[in-house]
Protein backbone atom coordinates (compact mmCIF):
# COMPACT_ATOMS: atom_id res chain seq x y z
CA VAL A 1 1.71 17.06 -1.89
CA VAL A 2 -0.31 17.58 1.66
CA ARG A 3 -3.88 16.27 1.11
CA ARG A 4 -6.41 16.50 3.58
CA VAL A 5 -8.80 13.84 3.89
CA ALA A 6 -12.33 13.66 5.98
CA THR A 7 -12.50 10.21 7.45
CA PHE A 8 -14.76 8.73 10.33
CA ASP A 9 -12.91 7.44 12.98
CA GLY A 10 -13.67 6.26 16.81
CA GLY A 11 -17.01 8.48 16.41
CA ARG A 12 -16.16 11.50 15.35
CA TRP A 13 -14.62 13.26 12.27
CA CYS A 14 -11.19 13.43 11.95
CA GLY A 15 -8.56 15.69 9.31
CA VAL A 16 -6.64 12.88 7.52
CA VAL A 17 -3.08 14.59 5.84
CA ALA A 18 -1.01 12.92 3.76
CA ILE A 19 2.25 13.66 3.36
CA GLU A 20 4.45 13.21 0.28
CA LEU A 21 5.44 9.41 0.80
CA ALA A 22 2.17 7.77 2.15
CA VAL A 23 2.97 9.17 5.59
CA LEU A 24 -0.05 9.94 7.50
CA ALA A 25 -0.39 12.22 9.85
CA ARG A 26 -4.17 12.38 11.73
CA VAL A 27 -5.15 15.62 13.35
CA CYS A 28 -8.01 15.91 15.44
């Protein structure tokens, strides 16, 4: 399951992608 959650980081909006077992990959 891949979920994209919008988070506020470093003063800019980045997409946080959660892949299966709590593996987080941030795409800015």
